[in-house]
Amino acid sequence: MGKTRITVAALLTSVMLVLTGCAGMGSAPTGSDVSADGPFDWKRFSGTEIDVMLDQHPWTQGVQTKLADFESATGIKVNLQTYAEDLYFDKLDQAVRTSNSPDVVMTGFDTNLATLEAANLLAPLTPLIENPALTTADYDLSDFPSGIKQPAMLPSGDPNASLYGIPISTETYMLFYNKDLVAKYLGGKVPTTMTDLIAAAKLITAEGHGDVYGSVVRGIRATSIVDTPTALVFNRWPATNPAINLPYNVYFDGAWNKPRLPDRAITQGLSDYAQLIAAGPPNKFALDWPDASALFSQGKAAFYLDASVFGPNFEKPDQSTVVGKVGYSTLPAAAQGGTSGSWSWGLSIPSASTKKGAAWLFTQWFTDKQRTAEIGALTGGAPRQSSAEAPTYKAAFTPEYSRAVADSLANTRPTAVIKEDADPVLLIIVDAVMSMAQGQDPFAVMANAQTKMAALYR
């Protein structure tokens, strides 16, 4: 589903980094021996060269600072290629279908991963993880919460599913607010319910007279925005409602031919998001996350509801004018038993890689406890439970931000619909949100969306 997938200023253009050395060194190992035996050895594939393809993201920025350490520890040479997000997924889909596929790629734990796995384009990681000759005894896969790993266990729902990705950056959906604007327009009272938040956003937009706005959220018509409104659906989903299970998630009732879009909680959750779009600036339907984040960081909006990964940048003076003025909160309550949502990036190994052993050492090294905490300090999204208590990680963020993220992750569900080629499903949901934001009746909109969804999978 839709992702945050951040691009940082230092990574605005596509860049190739060929690091220390050149390809093909005589009788160097190929790195393909995934059935290795004997004791674990980081130098097992020394002399191998691997190609790694990543999205331009703060996590990638962290990798770049540690590549020399990895190469020194393993003797593996890395060719790192990165792409801006608007190019990355097309490039990924093309690259893994070629005979000279990258050896490690960055994948989204949603329809992206499901589509690649269904086409047999990714290698299962479970055999590598379970081989003590290739995985250190202290790697501790259980340190990743099961809810974060679940979207990467494929085929989804199969008792014999394998893991096809290791989480690298997890985001949860939360509320950011400008303390100065809340003080000016709301007497310092932060809304504690979703109904109050929407009312406050409308009030501030009306009284801001075009100088400030009550809300900025992603309003562009793109499947990439779906995760945030899905989190608001979860926020409206009471504990008394049926369980939400993958691969179908909340929009289907246990089968692809059983959509349930007119459900009251689904309708209300999507309507909540639509009203936050409507309370935005005149170009509200052109806003993607870079635009919405920029407006909030410039002090132009009182509320921004989106992924936790944005929080650290609001406290950086070179990127924000609201440093020290931002408040952080879980989603304002909407239903008893409601939750937030979460989504993850991960690392995967293409089936076509001939160097899977070396590729796994790269994946393992950059997802161990130490590197997860250190690189997580750049993203606010370390997916390991142990990172929360790591000094490096804790020191990187304000206590209020850390507490809000931890509280949200403790009460969250995966937002992903785990189905190959799910874009038609997601676009129906996005179009419903757009229609509501333009003032159409939510229940009529969802009845129409139900008809369209039912026609997809008869």
Protein backbone atom coordinates (compact mmCIF):
# COMPACT_ATOMS: atom_id res chain seq x y z
CA MET A 1 0.00 0.00 0.00
CA GLY A 2 0.99 3.58 0.09
CA LYS A 3 4.28 4.36 1.74
CA THR A 4 6.11 7.23 3.24
CA ARG A 5 9.34 6.30 1.47
CA ILE A 6 11.23 9.46 2.30
CA THR A 7 13.69 11.21 -0.01
CA VAL A 8 16.34 13.29 1.76
CA ALA A 9 17.90 16.41 0.35
CA ALA A 10 21.30 14.83 0.04
CA LEU A 11 19.83 12.06 -2.11
CA LEU A 12 17.71 13.98 -4.58
CA THR A 13 19.29 12.49 -7.66
CA SER A 14 20.11 8.97 -8.68
CA VAL A 15 23.65 8.06 -7.73
CA MET A 16 25.93 5.11 -8.23
CA LEU A 17 28.55 4.43 -5.60
CA VAL A 18 31.14 1.85 -6.54
CA LEU A 19 33.02 1.20 -3.35
CA THR A 20 36.57 -0.01 -2.87
CA GLY A 21 37.67 -2.16 -5.67
CA CYS A 22 36.45 -3.63 -8.91
CA ALA A 23 34.60 -6.72 -9.96
CA GLY A 24 35.95 -10.18 -10.57
CA MET A 25 39.02 -10.91 -8.47
CA GLY A 26 40.47 -14.17 -9.75
CA SER A 27 39.20 -17.17 -7.78
CA ALA A 28 37.14 -15.14 -5.32
CA PRO A 29 34.03 -16.96 -4.02
CA THR A 30 30.77 -16.30 -5.80
CA GLY A 31 28.77 -15.79 -2.64
CA SER A 32 26.14 -18.23 -3.85
CA ASP A 33 26.79 -21.06 -1.40
CA VAL A 34 23.57 -20.77 0.62
CA SER A 35 23.89 -24.35 1.89
CA ALA A 36 27.21 -23.62 3.59
CA ASP A 37 28.23 -25.59 6.66
CA GLY A 38 30.83 -25.18 9.37
CA PRO A 39 31.18 -22.30 11.84
CA PHE A 40 29.83 -18.85 11.09
CA ASP A 41 32.41 -16.54 9.52
CA TRP A 42 31.81 -12.96 8.38
CA LYS A 43 34.74 -13.43 5.96
CA ARG A 44 33.20 -16.52 4.32
CA PHE A 45 32.56 -14.63 1.07
CA SER A 46 35.54 -12.27 1.19
CA GLY A 47 36.42 -11.08 -2.31
CA THR A 48 32.83 -11.26 -3.56
CA GLU A 49 31.25 -8.18 -5.11
CA ILE A 50 27.51 -7.58 -4.78
CA ASP A 51 25.07 -5.09 -6.29
CA VAL A 52 22.62 -3.44 -3.90
CA MET A 53 19.65 -1.35 -5.05
CA LEU A 54 17.89 0.94 -2.56
CA ASP A 55 15.27 3.66 -2.42
CA GLN A 56 16.52 7.12 -1.47
CA HIS A 57 15.47 7.17 2.17
CA PRO A 58 17.04 8.18 5.51
CA TRP A 59 17.77 4.50 6.12
CA THR A 60 19.81 4.44 2.91
CA GLN A 61 21.69 7.50 4.07
CA GLY A 62 22.62 5.59 7.21
CA VAL A 63 23.80 2.63 5.15
CA GLN A 64 26.10 4.87 3.15
CA THR A 65 27.87 5.99 6.33
CA LYS A 66 28.56 2.37 7.33
CA LEU A 67 29.43 0.68 4.05
CA ALA A 68 33.16 0.95 4.64
CA ASP A 69 32.73 -0.79 8.00
CA PHE A 70 30.76 -3.60 6.37
CA GLU A 71 33.34 -4.07 3.65
CA SER A 72 36.14 -4.17 6.21
CA ALA A 73 34.28 -6.69 8.39
CA THR A 74 33.36 -9.04 5.54
CA GLY A 75 35.71 -8.42 2.62
CA ILE A 76 32.60 -8.08 0.44
CA LYS A 77 32.62 -5.19 -2.02
CA VAL A 78 29.37 -3.31 -2.52
CA ASN A 79 28.08 -1.47 -5.58
CA LEU A 80 25.24 0.67 -4.24
CA GLN A 81 22.69 2.17 -6.60
CA THR A 82 19.89 4.40 -5.32
CA TYR A 83 16.84 5.91 -6.98
CA ALA A 84 14.39 8.62 -6.00
CA GLU A 85 11.11 7.12 -4.95
CA ASP A 86 9.15 8.24 -7.99
CA LEU A 87 11.49 6.03 -10.04
CA TYR A 88 12.41 3.32 -7.59
CA PHE A 89 9.55 0.84 -7.85
CA ASP A 90 9.55 0.77 -11.64
CA LYS A 91 13.33 0.33 -11.61
CA LEU A 92 13.00 -2.45 -9.03
CA ASP A 93 10.41 -4.33 -11.04
CA GLN A 94 12.60 -4.15 -14.14
CA ALA A 95 15.85 -5.03 -12.39
CA VAL A 96 14.71 -8.22 -10.66
CA ARG A 97 13.45 -9.63 -13.97
CA THR A 98 16.88 -9.50 -15.62
CA SER A 99 19.70 -12.03 -15.61
CA ASN A 100 22.00 -9.46 -14.00
CA SER A 101 19.60 -8.72 -11.15
CA PRO A 102 20.82 -6.85 -8.06
CA ASP A 103 21.74 -9.10 -5.15
CA VAL A 104 19.88 -7.09 -2.48
CA VAL A 105 16.89 -4.81 -2.98
CA MET A 106 14.67 -2.65 -0.80
CA THR A 107 11.02 -3.75 -0.81
CA GLY A 108 7.76 -2.43 0.58
CA PHE A 109 5.92 -4.82 2.89
CA ASP A 110 2.66 -4.69 0.95
CA THR A 111 1.51 -5.40 -2.58
CA ASN A 112 5.06 -4.68 -3.76
CA LEU A 113 6.50 -7.65 -1.89
CA ALA A 114 3.48 -9.85 -2.61
CA THR A 115 3.65 -9.18 -6.35
CA LEU A 116 7.36 -9.98 -6.56
CA GLU A 117 6.98 -13.16 -4.49
CA ALA A 118 4.00 -14.36 -6.52
CA ALA A 119 6.10 -14.01 -9.68
CA ASN A 120 8.90 -16.08 -8.09
CA LEU A 121 11.24 -13.09 -8.30
CA LEU A 122 12.40 -13.22 -4.66
CA ALA A 123 14.30 -15.86 -2.71
CA PRO A 124 12.94 -17.07 0.65
CA LEU A 125 15.15 -15.94 3.51
CA THR A 126 14.05 -18.58 6.00
CA PRO A 127 16.64 -21.20 4.86
CA LEU A 128 19.42 -18.62 5.20
CA ILE A 129 18.27 -17.52 8.64
CA GLU A 130 18.04 -21.10 9.87
CA ASN A 131 21.55 -22.02 8.68
CA PRO A 132 23.99 -21.49 11.61
CA ALA A 133 26.89 -21.34 9.15
CA LEU A 134 25.36 -18.22 7.60
CA THR A 135 23.58 -16.54 10.52
CA THR A 136 25.11 -15.49 13.82
CA ALA A 137 23.72 -17.03 16.99
CA ASP A 138 22.79 -13.59 18.36
CA TYR A 139 20.89 -12.33 15.30
CA ASP A 140 17.59 -12.92 17.16
CA LEU A 141 14.81 -12.76 14.58
CA SER A 142 12.27 -12.77 17.44
CA ASP A 143 13.42 -9.24 18.32
CA PHE A 144 11.30 -8.07 15.37
CA PRO A 145 7.64 -7.99 16.53
CA SER A 146 5.50 -10.57 14.76
CA GLY A 147 3.09 -7.90 13.52
CA ILE A 148 5.93 -6.17 11.69
CA LYS A 149 7.22 -9.39 10.11
CA GLN A 150 3.76 -10.72 9.26
CA PRO A 151 3.31 -8.93 5.88
CA ALA A 152 6.61 -10.47 4.71
CA MET A 153 5.52 -14.04 5.54
CA LEU A 154 4.36 -15.36 2.19
CA PRO A 155 2.15 -16.82 0.90
CA SER A 156 0.06 -14.91 3.43
CA GLY A 157 -1.93 -17.21 5.70
CA ASP A 158 -0.07 -20.33 4.58
CA PRO A 159 1.20 -22.36 7.58
CA ASN A 160 4.31 -23.15 5.53
CA ALA A 161 4.99 -19.52 4.60
CA SER A 162 8.56 -18.27 4.38
CA LEU A 163 10.00 -14.88 5.25
CA TYR A 164 10.80 -12.83 2.13
CA GLY A 165 12.02 -9.61 3.71
CA ILE A 166 13.78 -8.34 6.83
CA PRO A 167 12.29 -5.11 8.25
CA ILE A 168 14.59 -2.09 8.13
CA SER A 169 12.32 0.87 8.86
CA THR A 170 8.82 0.79 10.33
CA GLU A 171 6.47 3.72 10.48
CA THR A 172 3.29 4.16 12.43
CA TYR A 173 0.64 6.79 11.85
CA MET A 174 0.36 9.58 14.39
CA LEU A 175 -0.47 13.24 14.93
CA PHE A 176 2.00 16.12 14.74
CA TYR A 177 0.83 19.52 15.96
CA ASN A 178 2.21 23.05 16.06
CA LYS A 179 2.15 24.11 19.69
CA ASP A 180 2.17 27.84 18.87
CA LEU A 181 -0.83 27.57 16.54
CA VAL A 182 -2.72 25.37 18.99
CA ALA A 183 -2.09 27.99 21.66
CA LYS A 184 -3.20 30.85 19.39
CA TYR A 185 -6.35 29.33 17.94
CA LEU A 186 -7.38 26.67 20.48
CA GLY A 187 -6.23 28.12 23.77
CA GLY A 188 -3.54 25.46 24.00
CA LYS A 189 -6.01 22.56 24.07
CA VAL A 190 -4.89 19.67 21.88
CA PRO A 191 -7.84 17.67 20.49
CA THR A 192 -8.11 14.24 22.08
CA THR A 193 -10.79 12.78 19.80
CA MET A 194 -10.88 12.55 16.02
CA THR A 195 -14.15 14.48 15.93
CA ASP A 196 -12.56 17.32 17.88
CA LEU A 197 -9.45 17.26 15.67
CA ILE A 198 -11.52 17.68 12.51
CA ALA A 199 -13.54 20.50 14.04
CA ALA A 200 -10.34 22.24 15.19
CA ALA A 201 -8.74 21.89 11.76
CA LYS A 202 -11.77 23.48 10.09
CA LEU A 203 -11.80 26.31 12.63
CA ILE A 204 -8.14 27.17 12.18
CA THR A 205 -8.40 27.11 8.39
CA ALA A 206 -11.37 29.48 8.56
CA GLU A 207 -9.65 31.85 10.98
CA GLY A 208 -6.22 31.57 9.37
CA HIS A 209 -7.38 33.55 6.32
CA GLY A 210 -4.94 31.84 3.98
CA ASP A 211 -1.90 32.42 6.17
CA VAL A 212 -2.18 29.17 8.12
CA TYR A 213 -4.31 26.06 7.74
CA GLY A 214 -5.81 23.65 10.20
CA SER A 215 -4.58 20.53 8.48
CA VAL A 216 -2.17 19.31 5.84
CA VAL A 217 -2.29 15.67 4.74
CA ARG A 218 -1.60 13.84 1.50
CA GLY A 219 -4.39 14.62 -0.93
CA ILE A 220 -2.95 13.52 -4.24
CA ARG A 221 -4.79 10.83 -6.20
CA ALA A 222 -2.24 8.04 -5.84
CA THR A 223 -2.28 4.57 -4.32
CA SER A 224 0.73 5.56 -2.21
CA ILE A 225 -1.47 7.55 0.18
CA VAL A 226 -3.67 4.61 1.25
CA ASP A 227 -1.85 3.64 4.44
CA THR A 228 -2.72 6.81 6.34
CA PRO A 229 -6.49 6.69 5.70
CA THR A 230 -6.38 2.96 6.45
CA ALA A 231 -4.90 3.80 9.85
CA LEU A 232 -7.88 6.10 10.42
CA VAL A 233 -10.20 3.22 9.52
CA PHE A 234 -8.44 1.10 12.16
CA ASN A 235 -8.93 4.00 14.57
CA ARG A 236 -12.69 3.74 13.94
CA TRP A 237 -12.77 -0.08 14.09
CA PRO A 238 -14.28 -1.02 17.49
CA ALA A 239 -13.17 -4.07 19.42
CA THR A 240 -16.65 -5.54 18.87
CA ASN A 241 -16.15 -5.63 15.09
CA PRO A 242 -14.85 -8.78 13.33
CA ALA A 243 -11.12 -9.46 13.43
CA ILE A 244 -8.91 -7.94 10.73
CA ASN A 245 -6.71 -10.55 9.08
CA LEU A 246 -4.12 -10.63 6.33
CA PRO A 247 -3.96 -10.94 3.40
CA TYR A 248 -7.39 -9.27 3.06
CA ASN A 249 -7.02 -6.62 5.73
CA VAL A 250 -9.98 -4.48 6.72
CA TYR A 251 -11.54 -3.93 3.30
CA PHE A 252 -12.47 -7.58 2.65
CA ASP A 253 -14.37 -10.02 4.85
CA GLY A 254 -12.14 -13.07 4.62
CA ALA A 255 -12.22 -13.46 0.83
CA TRP A 256 -11.40 -11.30 -2.19
CA ASN A 257 -14.98 -11.60 -3.46
CA LYS A 258 -16.37 -10.26 -0.17
CA PRO A 259 -15.59 -6.54 0.01
CA ARG A 260 -17.15 -4.69 2.95
CA LEU A 261 -16.63 -1.05 2.02
CA PRO A 262 -20.03 0.19 3.27
CA ASP A 263 -19.15 -0.91 6.81
CA ARG A 264 -19.78 2.04 9.10
CA ALA A 265 -16.27 2.05 10.58
CA ILE A 266 -14.66 1.95 7.13
CA THR A 267 -16.90 4.74 5.90
CA GLN A 268 -16.26 6.89 8.97
CA GLY A 269 -12.51 6.32 8.96
CA LEU A 270 -12.13 7.28 5.30
CA SER A 271 -14.45 10.23 5.87
CA ASP A 272 -12.26 11.40 8.76
CA TYR A 273 -9.27 11.50 6.44
CA ALA A 274 -11.28 13.20 3.69
CA GLN A 275 -12.32 15.96 6.08
CA LEU A 276 -8.70 16.55 7.04
CA ILE A 277 -7.87 16.92 3.34
CA ALA A 278 -10.76 19.38 2.95
CA ALA A 279 -9.45 21.50 5.83
CA GLY A 280 -6.19 22.04 3.96
CA PRO A 281 -4.83 24.73 1.62
CA PRO A 282 -6.23 25.52 -1.85
CA ASN A 283 -3.83 23.05 -3.49
CA LYS A 284 -4.94 20.28 -1.13
CA PHE A 285 -5.47 17.77 -3.95
CA ALA A 286 -1.92 18.25 -5.22
CA LEU A 287 -0.21 17.52 -1.91
CA ASP A 288 1.94 14.44 -1.50
CA TRP A 289 4.05 13.84 1.60
CA PRO A 290 6.95 16.16 0.60
CA ASP A 291 4.54 19.08 0.11
CA ALA A 292 2.52 18.43 3.26
CA SER A 293 5.67 17.95 5.34
CA ALA A 294 7.17 21.16 3.97
CA LEU A 295 4.08 23.20 4.82
CA PHE A 296 4.04 21.85 8.35
CA SER A 297 7.78 22.41 8.84
CA GLN A 298 7.31 26.01 7.66
CA GLY A 299 4.71 26.67 10.35
CA LYS A 300 1.85 26.90 7.86
CA ALA A 301 -0.37 24.23 9.41
CA ALA A 302 -1.58 23.40 12.90
CA PHE A 303 -1.96 19.64 12.37
CA TYR A 304 -0.24 17.04 10.24
CA LEU A 305 -1.38 13.43 10.43
CA ASP A 306 1.03 11.01 8.79
CA ALA A 307 3.88 8.58 9.39
CA SER A 308 6.15 8.72 12.42
CA VAL A 309 9.22 8.77 10.19
CA PHE A 310 8.67 12.49 9.53
CA GLY A 311 9.10 13.50 13.16
CA PRO A 312 12.91 13.69 13.37
CA ASN A 313 13.12 16.19 10.50
CA PHE A 314 10.84 18.64 12.29
CA GLU A 315 13.55 19.02 14.95
CA LYS A 316 16.39 19.76 12.50
CA PRO A 317 17.12 23.50 12.14
CA ASP A 318 18.35 23.10 8.56
CA GLN A 319 15.02 21.54 7.53
CA SER A 320 12.43 23.10 9.82
CA THR A 321 11.33 26.45 11.23
CA VAL A 322 9.28 24.79 13.97
CA VAL A 323 12.10 23.18 15.95
CA GLY A 324 11.03 22.82 19.58
CA LYS A 325 7.47 23.83 18.72
CA VAL A 326 6.09 20.47 17.59
CA GLY A 327 3.93 18.22 19.70
CA TYR A 328 3.59 14.49 19.09
CA SER A 329 0.61 12.28 19.85
CA THR A 330 -1.02 9.00 19.00
CA LEU A 331 -4.10 9.25 16.80
CA PRO A 332 -6.94 11.05 18.60
CA ALA A 333 -9.45 8.45 19.75
CA ALA A 334 -12.37 7.52 17.52
CA ALA A 335 -13.68 4.16 18.79
CA GLN A 336 -13.12 1.98 21.84
CA GLY A 337 -10.64 -0.67 20.79
CA GLY A 338 -9.43 1.32 17.79
CA THR A 339 -5.77 1.18 16.78
CA SER A 340 -3.32 2.93 14.50
CA GLY A 341 -1.59 1.36 11.51
CA SER A 342 1.99 0.53 10.60
CA TRP A 343 3.98 -0.11 7.43
CA SER A 344 7.55 -1.24 6.82
CA TRP A 345 10.38 -1.15 4.36
CA GLY A 346 12.57 -4.24 4.17
CA LEU A 347 15.50 -5.89 2.45
CA SER A 348 14.96 -8.82 0.09
CA ILE A 349 17.16 -11.01 -2.11
CA PRO A 350 16.10 -11.53 -5.75
CA SER A 351 15.80 -15.09 -7.00
CA ALA A 352 18.12 -14.27 -9.91
CA SER A 353 21.01 -13.31 -7.62
CA THR A 354 23.95 -15.69 -7.96
CA LYS A 355 25.48 -14.37 -4.75
CA LYS A 356 22.77 -15.06 -2.20
CA GLY A 357 25.19 -15.99 0.57
CA ALA A 358 27.04 -12.68 0.37
CA ALA A 359 23.73 -10.87 -0.12
CA TRP A 360 22.45 -12.42 3.10
CA LEU A 361 25.55 -11.29 5.01
CA PHE A 362 24.85 -7.73 3.83
CA THR A 363 21.20 -8.03 4.86
CA GLN A 364 22.09 -9.58 8.20
CA TRP A 365 24.80 -7.05 9.06
CA PHE A 366 22.60 -4.04 8.34
CA THR A 367 19.63 -5.48 10.27
CA ASP A 368 21.39 -6.72 13.39
CA LYS A 369 20.68 -5.10 16.75
CA GLN A 370 23.56 -2.63 16.62
CA ARG A 371 22.97 -1.28 13.11
CA THR A 372 19.18 -1.28 13.50
CA ALA A 373 19.48 1.08 16.47
CA GLU A 374 22.20 3.25 14.94
CA ILE A 375 20.52 3.71 11.56
CA GLY A 376 17.12 3.91 13.22
CA ALA A 377 18.33 7.12 14.86
CA LEU A 378 18.03 8.69 11.39
CA THR A 379 14.52 7.41 10.69
CA GLY A 380 12.71 7.10 14.00
CA GLY A 381 11.57 3.74 12.74
CA ALA A 382 13.88 1.06 14.11
CA PRO A 383 11.81 -2.14 13.80
CA ARG A 384 13.58 -4.13 16.53
CA GLN A 385 12.12 -4.04 20.03
CA SER A 386 15.59 -3.79 21.56
CA SER A 387 16.28 -0.50 19.77
CA ALA A 388 13.89 1.40 22.03
CA GLU A 389 16.34 1.05 24.92
CA ALA A 390 19.54 1.52 22.92
CA PRO A 391 21.33 4.71 24.09
CA THR A 392 22.12 5.83 20.53
CA TYR A 393 18.50 5.52 19.51
CA LYS A 394 17.02 7.15 22.63
CA ALA A 395 19.39 10.11 22.44
CA ALA A 396 18.34 10.96 18.88
CA PHE A 397 14.75 12.01 19.65
CA THR A 398 12.73 14.14 22.02
CA PRO A 399 11.11 12.15 24.85
CA GLU A 400 7.64 13.25 23.68
CA TYR A 401 8.25 11.88 20.18
CA SER A 402 9.72 8.61 21.44
CA ARG A 403 6.80 8.09 23.81
CA ALA A 404 4.17 8.78 21.14
CA VAL A 405 5.81 6.41 18.65
CA ALA A 406 6.18 3.67 21.26
CA ASP A 407 2.56 4.05 22.36
CA SER A 408 1.36 3.94 18.77
CA LEU A 409 3.44 0.87 17.85
CA ALA A 410 2.08 -0.89 20.93
CA ASN A 411 -1.44 -0.52 19.49
CA THR A 412 -1.21 -0.96 15.75
CA ARG A 413 -2.08 -3.23 12.83
CA PRO A 414 -0.35 -3.66 9.44
CA THR A 415 -1.99 -1.45 6.82
CA ALA A 416 -0.97 -3.66 3.90
CA VAL A 417 -3.31 -5.49 1.56
CA ILE A 418 -1.17 -8.52 0.71
CA LYS A 419 -2.18 -9.19 -2.87
CA GLU A 420 -0.20 -9.10 -6.06
CA ASP A 421 -1.21 -6.28 -8.38
CA ALA A 422 -3.50 -4.72 -5.78
CA ASP A 423 -3.43 -1.23 -7.31
CA PRO A 424 -7.02 -1.45 -8.66
CA VAL A 425 -8.22 -2.19 -5.12
CA LEU A 426 -6.25 0.68 -3.66
CA LEU A 427 -7.35 3.15 -6.31
CA ILE A 428 -11.02 2.47 -5.55
CA ILE A 429 -10.32 3.37 -1.92
CA VAL A 430 -8.36 6.51 -2.88
CA ASP A 431 -11.10 7.65 -5.26
CA ALA A 432 -13.66 7.22 -2.51
CA VAL A 433 -11.60 9.45 -0.22
CA MET A 434 -11.22 12.07 -2.97
CA SER A 435 -14.97 12.10 -3.60
CA MET A 436 -15.72 12.59 0.09
CA ALA A 437 -13.14 15.37 0.35
CA GLN A 438 -14.95 17.13 -2.50
CA GLY A 439 -18.16 17.07 -0.49
CA GLN A 440 -19.99 13.96 -1.68
CA ASP A 441 -22.05 11.94 0.81
CA PRO A 442 -19.77 9.33 2.45
CA PHE A 443 -22.33 6.52 2.53
CA ALA A 444 -23.33 7.04 -1.11
CA VAL A 445 -19.67 7.13 -2.09
CA MET A 446 -18.95 3.86 -0.30
CA ALA A 447 -21.98 2.14 -1.82
CA ASN A 448 -20.62 3.04 -5.25
CA ALA A 449 -17.13 1.91 -4.25
CA GLN A 450 -18.55 -1.42 -3.09
CA THR A 451 -20.07 -2.01 -6.52
CA LYS A 452 -16.73 -1.29 -8.21
CA MET A 453 -14.80 -3.48 -5.78
CA ALA A 454 -17.21 -6.39 -6.16
CA ALA A 455 -16.74 -6.25 -9.93
CA LEU A 456 -12.98 -6.76 -9.57
CA TYR A 457 -13.19 -10.20 -7.97
CA ARG A 458 -16.41 -12.01 -8.76
